[in-house]
């Protein structure tokens, strides 16, 4: 199964479950929800969330996402998936705790079943 990944605070995910839909501040400010491909998870986590406790990683099935997904290049030229609109909760097929290492960095193994 192809998956996209989105990292967020557990409290934000729990609020989304109560609301029935997941939205982020980036949806209001930038118009999209940031996601990563499997090989981008560790770099994205360390760039934006280093040392952040209480995080979860949402595993998203692109085929189930009701909003538009656009593949867009970053300033460095790397392509990232962005969801334009709220994320319907049934597109989230798994949620896992994403805990930083003792030095605050994140490490994420890349087993074949997560891609």
PDB file of N, CA and C in Angstrom:
ATOM      1  N   UNK A   1       0.845  -1.178   0.000  1.00  0.00           N
ATOM      2  CA  UNK A   1       0.000   0.000   0.000  1.00  0.00           C
ATOM      3  C   UNK A   1       0.893   1.244   0.000  1.00  0.00           C
ATOM      4  N   UNK A   2       0.647   2.133  -0.920  1.00  0.00           N
ATOM      5  CA  UNK A   2       1.354   3.410  -0.905  1.00  0.00           C
ATOM      6  C   UNK A   2       0.803   4.255   0.227  1.00  0.00           C
ATOM      7  N   UNK A   3       1.680   4.898   0.947  1.00  0.00           N
ATOM      8  CA  UNK A   3       1.252   5.734   2.068  1.00  0.00           C
ATOM      9  C   UNK A   3       1.932   7.085   2.032  1.00  0.00           C
ATOM     10  N   UNK A   4       1.212   8.050   2.566  1.00  0.00           N
ATOM     11  CA  UNK A   4       1.768   9.352   2.869  1.00  0.00           C
ATOM     12  C   UNK A   4       1.842   9.424   4.383  1.00  0.00           C
ATOM     13  N   UNK A   5       2.660  10.326   4.890  1.00  0.00           N
ATOM     14  CA  UNK A   5       2.825  10.444   6.327  1.00  0.00           C
ATOM     15  C   UNK A   5       2.709  11.904   6.738  1.00  0.00           C
ATOM     16  N   UNK A   6       2.104  12.105   7.895  1.00  0.00           N
ATOM     17  CA  UNK A   6       2.007  13.448   8.461  1.00  0.00           C
ATOM     18  C   UNK A   6       2.291  13.332   9.950  1.00  0.00           C
ATOM     19  N   UNK A   7       3.178  14.184  10.438  1.00  0.00           N
ATOM     20  CA  UNK A   7       3.540  14.190  11.849  1.00  0.00           C
ATOM     21  C   UNK A   7       2.799  15.330  12.535  1.00  0.00           C
ATOM     22  N   UNK A   8       2.234  15.038  13.701  1.00  0.00           N
ATOM     23  CA  UNK A   8       1.517  16.078  14.443  1.00  0.00           C
ATOM     24  C   UNK A   8       1.532  15.739  15.933  1.00  0.00           C
ATOM     25  N   UNK A   9       1.122  16.687  16.725  1.00  0.00           N
ATOM     26  CA  UNK A   9       1.020  16.464  18.166  1.00  0.00           C
ATOM     27  C   UNK A   9      -0.162  15.534  18.449  1.00  0.00           C
ATOM     28  N   UNK A  10       0.025  14.639  19.395  1.00  0.00           N
ATOM     29  CA  UNK A  10      -1.050  13.711  19.756  1.00  0.00           C
ATOM     30  C   UNK A  10      -2.327  14.475  20.114  1.00  0.00           C
ATOM     31  N   UNK A  11      -2.195  15.609  20.815  1.00  0.00           N
ATOM     32  CA  UNK A  11      -3.374  16.374  21.218  1.00  0.00           C
ATOM     33  C   UNK A  11      -4.142  16.885  19.996  1.00  0.00           C
ATOM     34  N   UNK A  12      -3.428  17.235  18.922  1.00  0.00           N
ATOM     35  CA  UNK A  12      -4.080  17.686  17.695  1.00  0.00           C
ATOM     36  C   UNK A  12      -4.817  16.535  17.015  1.00  0.00           C
ATOM     37  N   UNK A  13      -4.233  15.351  17.039  1.00  0.00           N
ATOM     38  CA  UNK A  13      -4.886  14.177  16.459  1.00  0.00           C
ATOM     39  C   UNK A  13      -6.138  13.823  17.261  1.00  0.00           C
ATOM     40  N   UNK A  14      -6.028  13.873  18.579  1.00  0.00           N
ATOM     41  CA  UNK A  14      -7.193  13.574  19.414  1.00  0.00           C
ATOM     42  C   UNK A  14      -8.311  14.596  19.194  1.00  0.00           C
ATOM     43  N   UNK A  15      -7.955  15.865  18.997  1.00  0.00           N
ATOM     44  CA  UNK A  15      -8.955  16.895  18.695  1.00  0.00           C
ATOM     45  C   UNK A  15      -9.623  16.613  17.346  1.00  0.00           C
ATOM     46  N   UNK A  16      -8.847  16.151  16.381  1.00  0.00           N
ATOM     47  CA  UNK A  16      -9.396  15.813  15.069  1.00  0.00           C
ATOM     48  C   UNK A  16     -10.395  14.663  15.173  1.00  0.00           C
ATOM     49  N   UNK A  17     -10.063  13.681  15.987  1.00  0.00           N
ATOM     50  CA  UNK A  17     -10.977  12.554  16.170  1.00  0.00           C
ATOM     51  C   UNK A  17     -12.292  13.028  16.781  1.00  0.00           C
ATOM     52  N   UNK A  18     -12.227  13.934  17.722  1.00  0.00           N
ATOM     53  CA  UNK A  18     -13.442  14.466  18.348  1.00  0.00           C
ATOM     54  C   UNK A  18     -14.252  15.295  17.349  1.00  0.00           C
ATOM     55  N   UNK A  19     -13.550  16.021  16.452  1.00  0.00           N
ATOM     56  CA  UNK A  19     -14.218  16.882  15.472  1.00  0.00           C
ATOM     57  C   UNK A  19     -14.703  16.108  14.245  1.00  0.00           C
ATOM     58  N   UNK A  20     -14.120  14.935  13.999  1.00  0.00           N
ATOM     59  CA  UNK A  20     -14.508  14.135  12.845  1.00  0.00           C
ATOM     60  C   UNK A  20     -13.737  14.453  11.570  1.00  0.00           C
ATOM     61  N   UNK A  21     -12.778  15.375  11.642  1.00  0.00           N
ATOM     62  CA  UNK A  21     -11.962  15.743  10.492  1.00  0.00           C
ATOM     63  C   UNK A  21     -10.653  16.348  10.999  1.00  0.00           C
ATOM     64  N   UNK A  22      -9.573  16.156  10.226  1.00  0.00           N
ATOM     65  CA  UNK A  22      -8.273  16.686  10.628  1.00  0.00           C
ATOM     66  C   UNK A  22      -7.949  17.922   9.807  1.00  0.00           C
ATOM     67  N   UNK A  23      -7.629  19.015  10.510  1.00  0.00           N
ATOM     68  CA  UNK A  23      -7.192  20.260   9.887  1.00  0.00           C
ATOM     69  C   UNK A  23      -5.952  20.724  10.635  1.00  0.00           C
ATOM     70  N   UNK A  24      -5.109  21.476   9.963  1.00  0.00           N
ATOM     71  CA  UNK A  24      -3.929  22.036  10.612  1.00  0.00           C
ATOM     72  C   UNK A  24      -3.912  23.543  10.392  1.00  0.00           C
ATOM     73  N   UNK A  25      -3.128  24.269  11.188  1.00  0.00           N
ATOM     74  CA  UNK A  25      -2.994  25.707  10.935  1.00  0.00           C
ATOM     75  C   UNK A  25      -2.477  26.002   9.518  1.00  0.00           C
ATOM     76  N   UNK A  26      -1.679  25.085   8.953  1.00  0.00           N
ATOM     77  CA  UNK A  26      -1.155  25.319   7.601  1.00  0.00           C
ATOM     78  C   UNK A  26      -2.267  25.333   6.565  1.00  0.00           C
ATOM     79  N   UNK A  27      -3.366  24.655   6.850  1.00  0.00           N
ATOM     80  CA  UNK A  27      -4.498  24.666   5.926  1.00  0.00           C
ATOM     81  C   UNK A  27      -5.072  26.071   5.812  1.00  0.00           C
ATOM     82  N   UNK A  28      -5.085  26.793   6.922  1.00  0.00           N
ATOM     83  CA  UNK A  28      -5.578  28.172   6.913  1.00  0.00           C
ATOM     84  C   UNK A  28      -4.531  29.149   6.376  1.00  0.00           C
ATOM     85  N   UNK A  29      -3.274  28.962   6.762  1.00  0.00           N
ATOM     86  CA  UNK A  29      -2.232  29.929   6.382  1.00  0.00           C
ATOM     87  C   UNK A  29      -1.631  29.669   5.002  1.00  0.00           C
ATOM     88  N   UNK A  30      -1.482  28.408   4.633  1.00  0.00           N
ATOM     89  CA  UNK A  30      -0.834  28.078   3.369  1.00  0.00           C
ATOM     90  C   UNK A  30      -1.760  27.381   2.381  1.00  0.00           C
ATOM     91  N   UNK A  31      -2.904  26.924   2.855  1.00  0.00           N
ATOM     92  CA  UNK A  31      -3.868  26.270   1.977  1.00  0.00           C
ATOM     93  C   UNK A  31      -3.699  24.779   1.815  1.00  0.00           C
ATOM     94  N   UNK A  32      -2.791  24.177   2.583  1.00  0.00           N
ATOM     95  CA  UNK A  32      -2.605  22.734   2.458  1.00  0.00           C
ATOM     96  C   UNK A  32      -2.048  22.125   3.740  1.00  0.00           C
ATOM     97  N   UNK A  33      -2.173  20.809   3.831  1.00  0.00           N
ATOM     98  CA  UNK A  33      -1.606  20.029   4.924  1.00  0.00           C
ATOM     99  C   UNK A  33      -0.317  19.403   4.401  1.00  0.00           C
ATOM    100  N   UNK A  34       0.782  19.606   5.096  1.00  0.00           N
ATOM    101  CA  UNK A  34       2.076  19.054   4.693  1.00  0.00           C
ATOM    102  C   UNK A  34       2.109  17.553   4.936  1.00  0.00           C
ATOM    103  N   UNK A  35       2.601  16.811   3.986  1.00  0.00           N
ATOM    104  CA  UNK A  35       2.813  15.372   4.142  1.00  0.00           C
ATOM    105  C   UNK A  35       4.204  15.019   3.625  1.00  0.00           C
ATOM    106  N   UNK A  36       4.606  13.792   3.887  1.00  0.00           N
ATOM    107  CA  UNK A  36       5.906  13.308   3.429  1.00  0.00           C
ATOM    108  C   UNK A  36       5.748  11.933   2.820  1.00  0.00           C
ATOM    109  N   UNK A  37       6.682  11.596   1.952  1.00  0.00           N
ATOM    110  CA  UNK A  37       6.797  10.224   1.459  1.00  0.00           C
ATOM    111  C   UNK A  37       7.617   9.459   2.497  1.00  0.00           C
ATOM    112  N   UNK A  38       7.599   8.127   2.458  1.00  0.00           N
ATOM    113  CA  UNK A  38       8.332   7.352   3.467  1.00  0.00           C
ATOM    114  C   UNK A  38       9.792   7.770   3.631  1.00  0.00           C
ATOM    115  N   UNK A  39      10.483   8.013   2.536  1.00  0.00           N
ATOM    116  CA  UNK A  39      11.909   8.343   2.620  1.00  0.00           C
ATOM    117  C   UNK A  39      12.164   9.756   3.132  1.00  0.00           C
ATOM    118  N   UNK A  40      11.122  10.560   3.276  1.00  0.00           N
ATOM    119  CA  UNK A  40      11.270  11.935   3.748  1.00  0.00           C
ATOM    120  C   UNK A  40      10.952  12.111   5.236  1.00  0.00           C
ATOM    121  N   UNK A  41      10.427  11.098   5.873  1.00  0.00           N
ATOM    122  CA  UNK A  41       9.935  11.232   7.244  1.00  0.00           C
ATOM    123  C   UNK A  41      11.011  11.727   8.202  1.00  0.00           C
ATOM    124  N   UNK A  42      12.135  11.047   8.232  1.00  0.00           N
ATOM    125  CA  UNK A  42      13.180  11.385   9.201  1.00  0.00           C
ATOM    126  C   UNK A  42      13.700  12.807   8.998  1.00  0.00           C
ATOM    127  N   UNK A  43      13.978  13.186   7.766  1.00  0.00           N
ATOM    128  CA  UNK A  43      14.492  14.528   7.493  1.00  0.00           C
ATOM    129  C   UNK A  43      13.492  15.608   7.856  1.00  0.00           C
ATOM    130  N   UNK A  44      12.233  15.383   7.519  1.00  0.00           N
ATOM    131  CA  UNK A  44      11.194  16.361   7.846  1.00  0.00           C
ATOM    132  C   UNK A  44      11.032  16.488   9.355  1.00  0.00           C
ATOM    133  N   UNK A  45      11.009  15.353  10.048  1.00  0.00           N
ATOM    134  CA  UNK A  45      10.859  15.370  11.505  1.00  0.00           C
ATOM    135  C   UNK A  45      12.002  16.127  12.163  1.00  0.00           C
ATOM    136  N   UNK A  46      13.222  15.889  11.715  1.00  0.00           N
ATOM    137  CA  UNK A  46      14.377  16.550  12.324  1.00  0.00           C
ATOM    138  C   UNK A  46      14.472  18.022  11.945  1.00  0.00           C
ATOM    139  N   UNK A  47      13.967  18.390  10.804  1.00  0.00           N
ATOM    140  CA  UNK A  47      14.002  19.787  10.368  1.00  0.00           C
ATOM    141  C   UNK A  47      12.989  20.632  11.135  1.00  0.00           C
ATOM    142  N   UNK A  48      11.791  20.093  11.358  1.00  0.00           N
ATOM    143  CA  UNK A  48      10.711  20.899  11.923  1.00  0.00           C
ATOM    144  C   UNK A  48      10.278  20.530  13.339  1.00  0.00           C
ATOM    145  N   UNK A  49      10.610  19.330  13.799  1.00  0.00           N
ATOM    146  CA  UNK A  49      10.087  18.870  15.089  1.00  0.00           C
ATOM    147  C   UNK A  49      11.166  18.386  16.046  1.00  0.00           C
ATOM    148  N   UNK A  50      12.427  18.624  15.776  1.00  0.00           N
ATOM    149  CA  UNK A  50      13.495  18.087  16.611  1.00  0.00           C
ATOM    150  C   UNK A  50      13.236  18.377  18.087  1.00  0.00           C
ATOM    151  N   UNK A  51      13.291  17.324  18.886  1.00  0.00           N
ATOM    152  CA  UNK A  51      13.105  17.429  20.326  1.00  0.00           C
ATOM    153  C   UNK A  51      11.665  17.488  20.788  1.00  0.00           C
ATOM    154  N   UNK A  52      10.721  17.506  19.868  1.00  0.00           N
ATOM    155  CA  UNK A  52       9.305  17.618  20.237  1.00  0.00           C
ATOM    156  C   UNK A  52       8.763  16.283  20.737  1.00  0.00           C
ATOM    157  N   UNK A  53       8.323  16.270  21.979  1.00  0.00           N
ATOM    158  CA  UNK A  53       7.709  15.068  22.550  1.00  0.00           C
ATOM    159  C   UNK A  53       6.215  15.083  22.265  1.00  0.00           C
ATOM    160  N   UNK A  54       5.567  13.942  22.452  1.00  0.00           N
ATOM    161  CA  UNK A  54       4.117  13.863  22.298  1.00  0.00           C
ATOM    162  C   UNK A  54       3.647  13.886  20.858  1.00  0.00           C
ATOM    163  N   UNK A  55       4.488  13.419  19.935  1.00  0.00           N
ATOM    164  CA  UNK A  55       4.152  13.424  18.513  1.00  0.00           C
ATOM    165  C   UNK A  55       3.632  12.059  18.063  1.00  0.00           C
ATOM    166  N   UNK A  56       2.800  12.084  17.051  1.00  0.00           N
ATOM    167  CA  UNK A  56       2.346  10.859  16.396  1.00  0.00           C
ATOM    168  C   UNK A  56       2.588  11.002  14.904  1.00  0.00           C
ATOM    169  N   UNK A  57       2.682   9.866  14.251  1.00  0.00           N
ATOM    170  CA  UNK A  57       2.852   9.828  12.810  1.00  0.00           C
ATOM    171  C   UNK A  57       1.591   9.200  12.221  1.00  0.00           C
ATOM    172  N   UNK A  58       0.890   9.981  11.391  1.00  0.00           N
ATOM    173  CA  UNK A  58      -0.315   9.485  10.730  1.00  0.00           C
ATOM    174  C   UNK A  58       0.091   8.792   9.441  1.00  0.00           C
ATOM    175  N   UNK A  59      -0.379   7.566   9.249  1.00  0.00           N
ATOM    176  CA  UNK A  59      -0.179   6.830   8.005  1.00  0.00           C
ATOM    177  C   UNK A  59      -1.440   7.060   7.176  1.00  0.00           C
ATOM    178  N   UNK A  60      -1.290   7.649   6.009  1.00  0.00           N
ATOM    179  CA  UNK A  60      -2.427   8.062   5.198  1.00  0.00           C
ATOM    180  C   UNK A  60      -2.456   7.274   3.895  1.00  0.00           C
ATOM    181  N   UNK A  61      -3.614   6.704   3.564  1.00  0.00           N
ATOM    182  CA  UNK A  61      -3.810   6.000   2.295  1.00  0.00           C
ATOM    183  C   UNK A  61      -4.266   7.021   1.255  1.00  0.00           C
ATOM    184  N   UNK A  62      -3.409   7.380   0.296  1.00  0.00           N
ATOM    185  CA  UNK A  62      -3.767   8.414  -0.679  1.00  0.00           C
ATOM    186  C   UNK A  62      -5.075   8.132  -1.415  1.00  0.00           C
ATOM    187  N   UNK A  63      -5.353   6.880  -1.710  1.00  0.00           N
ATOM    188  CA  UNK A  63      -6.569   6.534  -2.456  1.00  0.00           C
ATOM    189  C   UNK A  63      -7.842   6.856  -1.673  1.00  0.00           C
ATOM    190  N   UNK A  64      -7.726   6.979  -0.368  1.00  0.00           N
ATOM    191  CA  UNK A  64      -8.895   7.276   0.466  1.00  0.00           C
ATOM    192  C   UNK A  64      -9.074   8.768   0.756  1.00  0.00           C
ATOM    193  N   UNK A  65      -8.072   9.580   0.430  1.00  0.00           N
ATOM    194  CA  UNK A  65      -8.132  11.017   0.713  1.00  0.00           C
ATOM    195  C   UNK A  65      -9.163  11.665  -0.206  1.00  0.00           C
ATOM    196  N   UNK A  66     -10.118  12.361   0.387  1.00  0.00           N
ATOM    197  CA  UNK A  66     -11.175  13.000  -0.399  1.00  0.00           C
ATOM    198  C   UNK A  66     -10.749  14.355  -0.950  1.00  0.00           C
ATOM    199  N   UNK A  67      -9.828  15.040  -0.294  1.00  0.00           N
ATOM    200  CA  UNK A  67      -9.329  16.331  -0.769  1.00  0.00           C
ATOM    201  C   UNK A  67      -8.292  16.097  -1.869  1.00  0.00           C
ATOM    202  N   UNK A  68      -7.975  17.147  -2.588  1.00  0.00           N
ATOM    203  CA  UNK A  68      -6.980  17.065  -3.657  1.00  0.00           C
ATOM    204  C   UNK A  68      -5.575  16.902  -3.073  1.00  0.00           C
ATOM    205  N   UNK A  69      -4.790  16.015  -3.672  1.00  0.00           N
ATOM    206  CA  UNK A  69      -3.381  15.845  -3.309  1.00  0.00           C
ATOM    207  C   UNK A  69      -2.558  16.398  -4.465  1.00  0.00           C
ATOM    208  N   UNK A  70      -1.656  17.318  -4.155  1.00  0.00           N
ATOM    209  CA  UNK A  70      -0.750  17.871  -5.166  1.00  0.00           C
ATOM    210  C   UNK A  70       0.683  17.539  -4.776  1.00  0.00           C
ATOM    211  N   UNK A  71       1.473  17.152  -5.742  1.00  0.00           N
ATOM    212  CA  UNK A  71       2.892  16.879  -5.535  1.00  0.00           C
ATOM    213  C   UNK A  71       3.642  18.137  -5.945  1.00  0.00           C
ATOM    214  N   UNK A  72       4.253  18.800  -4.973  1.00  0.00           N
ATOM    215  CA  UNK A  72       4.859  20.099  -5.225  1.00  0.00           C
ATOM    216  C   UNK A  72       6.317  20.126  -4.794  1.00  0.00           C
ATOM    217  N   UNK A  73       7.110  20.841  -5.557  1.00  0.00           N
ATOM    218  CA  UNK A  73       8.539  20.942  -5.268  1.00  0.00           C
ATOM    219  C   UNK A  73       8.786  21.967  -4.164  1.00  0.00           C
ATOM    220  N   UNK A  74       9.711  21.637  -3.278  1.00  0.00           N
ATOM    221  CA  UNK A  74      10.145  22.579  -2.245  1.00  0.00           C
ATOM    222  C   UNK A  74      11.195  23.507  -2.860  1.00  0.00           C
ATOM    223  N   UNK A  75      11.663  24.456  -2.067  1.00  0.00           N
ATOM    224  CA  UNK A  75      12.690  25.378  -2.575  1.00  0.00           C
ATOM    225  C   UNK A  75      13.957  24.628  -2.976  1.00  0.00           C
ATOM    226  N   UNK A  76      14.211  23.482  -2.369  1.00  0.00           N
ATOM    227  CA  UNK A  76      15.380  22.672  -2.718  1.00  0.00           C
ATOM    228  C   UNK A  76      15.133  21.742  -3.894  1.00  0.00           C
ATOM    229  N   UNK A  77      13.899  21.747  -4.433  1.00  0.00           N
ATOM    230  CA  UNK A  77      13.585  20.913  -5.580  1.00  0.00           C
ATOM    231  C   UNK A  77      12.993  19.554  -5.242  1.00  0.00           C
ATOM    232  N   UNK A  78      13.020  19.164  -3.962  1.00  0.00           N
ATOM    233  CA  UNK A  78      12.441  17.881  -3.559  1.00  0.00           C
ATOM    234  C   UNK A  78      10.916  17.984  -3.621  1.00  0.00           C
ATOM    235  N   UNK A  79      10.251  16.930  -4.084  1.00  0.00           N
ATOM    236  CA  UNK A  79       8.801  16.927  -4.230  1.00  0.00           C
ATOM    237  C   UNK A  79       8.133  16.363  -2.979  1.00  0.00           C
ATOM    238  N   UNK A  80       7.143  17.111  -2.461  1.00  0.00           N
ATOM    239  CA  UNK A  80       6.382  16.695  -1.288  1.00  0.00           C
ATOM    240  C   UNK A  80       4.897  16.636  -1.638  1.00  0.00           C
ATOM    241  N   UNK A  81       4.164  15.692  -1.036  1.00  0.00           N
ATOM    242  CA  UNK A  81       2.715  15.671  -1.227  1.00  0.00           C
ATOM    243  C   UNK A  81       2.044  16.655  -0.273  1.00  0.00           C
ATOM    244  N   UNK A  82       1.078  17.384  -0.788  1.00  0.00           N
ATOM    245  CA  UNK A  82       0.292  18.308   0.027  1.00  0.00           C
ATOM    246  C   UNK A  82      -1.177  18.009  -0.186  1.00  0.00           C
ATOM    247  N   UNK A  83      -1.925  17.985   0.898  1.00  0.00           N
ATOM    248  CA  UNK A  83      -3.364  17.755   0.839  1.00  0.00           C
ATOM    249  C   UNK A  83      -4.055  19.107   0.914  1.00  0.00           C
ATOM    250  N   UNK A  84      -4.802  19.450  -0.132  1.00  0.00           N
ATOM    251  CA  UNK A  84      -5.503  20.735  -0.200  1.00  0.00           C
ATOM    252  C   UNK A  84      -6.930  20.552   0.273  1.00  0.00           C
ATOM    253  N   UNK A  85      -7.124  20.739   1.554  1.00  0.00           N
ATOM    254  CA  UNK A  85      -8.427  20.596   2.184  1.00  0.00           C
ATOM    255  C   UNK A  85      -8.296  19.739   3.423  1.00  0.00           C
ATOM    256  N   UNK A  86      -9.359  19.649   4.199  1.00  0.00           N
ATOM    257  CA  UNK A  86      -9.326  18.830   5.406  1.00  0.00           C
ATOM    258  C   UNK A  86      -9.074  17.358   5.066  1.00  0.00           C
ATOM    259  N   UNK A  87      -8.455  16.669   5.986  1.00  0.00           N
ATOM    260  CA  UNK A  87      -8.189  15.243   5.822  1.00  0.00           C
ATOM    261  C   UNK A  87      -9.311  14.443   6.464  1.00  0.00           C
ATOM    262  N   UNK A  88      -9.995  13.648   5.654  1.00  0.00           N
ATOM    263  CA  UNK A  88     -11.033  12.759   6.185  1.00  0.00           C
ATOM    264  C   UNK A  88     -10.367  11.654   7.006  1.00  0.00           C
ATOM    265  N   UNK A  89     -10.905  11.389   8.189  1.00  0.00           N
ATOM    266  CA  UNK A  89     -10.259  10.478   9.142  1.00  0.00           C
ATOM    267  C   UNK A  89     -10.144   9.044   8.639  1.00  0.00           C
ATOM    268  N   UNK A  90     -11.057   8.608   7.779  1.00  0.00           N
ATOM    269  CA  UNK A  90     -10.972   7.229   7.303  1.00  0.00           C
ATOM    270  C   UNK A  90      -9.793   7.012   6.351  1.00  0.00           C
ATOM    271  N   UNK A  91      -9.128   8.082   5.910  1.00  0.00           N
ATOM    272  CA  UNK A  91      -7.917   7.951   5.095  1.00  0.00           C
ATOM    273  C   UNK A  91      -6.695   7.642   5.955  1.00  0.00           C
ATOM    274  N   UNK A  92      -6.816   7.841   7.262  1.00  0.00           N
ATOM    275  CA  UNK A  92      -5.719   7.535   8.186  1.00  0.00           C
ATOM    276  C   UNK A  92      -5.838   6.065   8.561  1.00  0.00           C
ATOM    277  N   UNK A  93      -4.911   5.262   8.059  1.00  0.00           N
ATOM    278  CA  UNK A  93      -4.991   3.815   8.241  1.00  0.00           C
ATOM    279  C   UNK A  93      -4.193   3.306   9.431  1.00  0.00           C
ATOM    280  N   UNK A  94      -3.341   4.144   9.993  1.00  0.00           N
ATOM    281  CA  UNK A  94      -2.582   3.779  11.195  1.00  0.00           C
ATOM    282  C   UNK A  94      -2.052   5.057  11.837  1.00  0.00           C
ATOM    283  N   UNK A  95      -1.860   4.984  13.143  1.00  0.00           N
ATOM    284  CA  UNK A  95      -1.281   6.084  13.909  1.00  0.00           C
ATOM    285  C   UNK A  95      -0.248   5.466  14.841  1.00  0.00           C
ATOM    286  N   UNK A  96       0.955   6.005  14.818  1.00  0.00           N
ATOM    287  CA  UNK A  96       1.968   5.466  15.720  1.00  0.00           C
ATOM    288  C   UNK A  96       2.673   6.596  16.469  1.00  0.00           C
ATOM    289  N   UNK A  97       3.062   6.297  17.711  1.00  0.00           N
ATOM    290  CA  UNK A  97       3.850   7.254  18.484  1.00  0.00           C
ATOM    291  C   UNK A  97       5.169   7.460  17.771  1.00  0.00           C
ATOM    292  N   UNK A  98       5.620   8.690  17.723  1.00  0.00           N
ATOM    293  CA  UNK A  98       6.895   9.015  17.085  1.00  0.00           C
ATOM    294  C   UNK A  98       7.714   9.765  18.119  1.00  0.00           C
ATOM    295  N   UNK A  99       8.612   9.058  18.762  1.00  0.00           N
ATOM    296  CA  UNK A  99       9.352   9.554  19.926  1.00  0.00           C
ATOM    297  C   UNK A  99      10.779   9.931  19.526  1.00  0.00           C
ATOM    298  N   UNK A 100      11.244  11.109  19.914  1.00  0.00           N
ATOM    299  CA  UNK A 100      12.618  11.489  19.589  1.00  0.00           C
ATOM    300  C   UNK A 100      13.627  10.673  20.388  1.00  0.00           C
ATOM    301  N   UNK A 101      14.810  10.556  19.840  1.00  0.00           N
ATOM    302  CA  UNK A 101      15.916   9.903  20.535  1.00  0.00           C
ATOM    303  C   UNK A 101      16.345  10.778  21.712  1.00  0.00           C
ATOM    304  N   UNK A 102      17.248  10.271  22.532  1.00  0.00           N
ATOM    305  CA  UNK A 102      17.737  11.018  23.698  1.00  0.00           C
ATOM    306  C   UNK A 102      18.345  12.373  23.306  1.00  0.00           C
ATOM    307  N   UNK A 103      18.930  12.461  22.118  1.00  0.00           N
ATOM    308  CA  UNK A 103      19.534  13.727  21.680  1.00  0.00           C
ATOM    309  C   UNK A 103      18.532  14.659  20.984  1.00  0.00           C
ATOM    310  N   UNK A 104      17.251  14.257  20.936  1.00  0.00           N
ATOM    311  CA  UNK A 104      16.216  15.086  20.343  1.00  0.00           C
ATOM    312  C   UNK A 104      15.951  14.835  18.872  1.00  0.00           C
ATOM    313  N   UNK A 105      16.811  14.059  18.223  1.00  0.00           N
ATOM    314  CA  UNK A 105      16.605  13.750  16.815  1.00  0.00           C
ATOM    315  C   UNK A 105      15.650  12.572  16.656  1.00  0.00           C
ATOM    316  N   UNK A 106      15.085  12.456  15.485  1.00  0.00           N
ATOM    317  CA  UNK A 106      14.193  11.343  15.177  1.00  0.00           C
ATOM    318  C   UNK A 106      14.898  10.375  14.240  1.00  0.00           C
ATOM    319  N   UNK A 107      14.658   9.096  14.448  1.00  0.00           N
ATOM    320  CA  UNK A 107      15.143   8.041  13.560  1.00  0.00           C
ATOM    321  C   UNK A 107      13.932   7.208  13.183  1.00  0.00           C
ATOM    322  N   UNK A 108      13.830   6.921  11.928  1.00  0.00           N
ATOM    323  CA  UNK A 108      12.680   6.132  11.489  1.00  0.00           C
ATOM    324  C   UNK A 108      13.146   5.066  10.523  1.00  0.00           C
ATOM    325  N   UNK A 109      12.998   3.803  10.896  1.00  0.00           N
ATOM    326  CA  UNK A 109      13.409   2.719   9.983  1.00  0.00           C
ATOM    327  C   UNK A 109      12.486   2.706   8.765  1.00  0.00           C
ATOM    328  N   UNK A 110      12.961   2.200   7.679  1.00  0.00           N
ATOM    329  CA  UNK A 110      12.202   2.188   6.420  1.00  0.00           C
ATOM    330  C   UNK A 110      11.840   0.766   5.973  1.00  0.00           C
ATOM    331  N   UNK A 111      11.116  -0.008   6.795  1.00  0.00           N
ATOM    332  CA  UNK A 111      10.766  -1.356   6.339  1.00  0.00           C
ATOM    333  C   UNK A 111       9.840  -1.291   5.123  1.00  0.00           C
ATOM    334  N   UNK A 112       9.862  -2.317   4.315  1.00  0.00           N
ATOM    335  CA  UNK A 112       9.103  -2.350   3.062  1.00  0.00           C
ATOM    336  C   UNK A 112       7.609  -2.187   3.278  1.00  0.00           C
ATOM    337  N   UNK A 113       7.069  -2.657   4.396  1.00  0.00           N
ATOM    338  CA  UNK A 113       5.619  -2.596   4.602  1.00  0.00           C
ATOM    339  C   UNK A 113       5.124  -1.198   4.952  1.00  0.00           C
ATOM    340  N   UNK A 114       5.999  -0.233   5.104  1.00  0.00           N
ATOM    341  CA  UNK A 114       5.579   1.139   5.431  1.00  0.00           C
ATOM    342  C   UNK A 114       5.549   2.028   4.207  1.00  0.00           C
ATOM    343  N   UNK A 115       5.938   1.531   3.081  1.00  0.00           N
ATOM    344  CA  UNK A 115       5.969   2.386   1.889  1.00  0.00           C
ATOM    345  C   UNK A 115       4.661   2.367   1.135  1.00  0.00           C
TER     346      UNK A 115
END
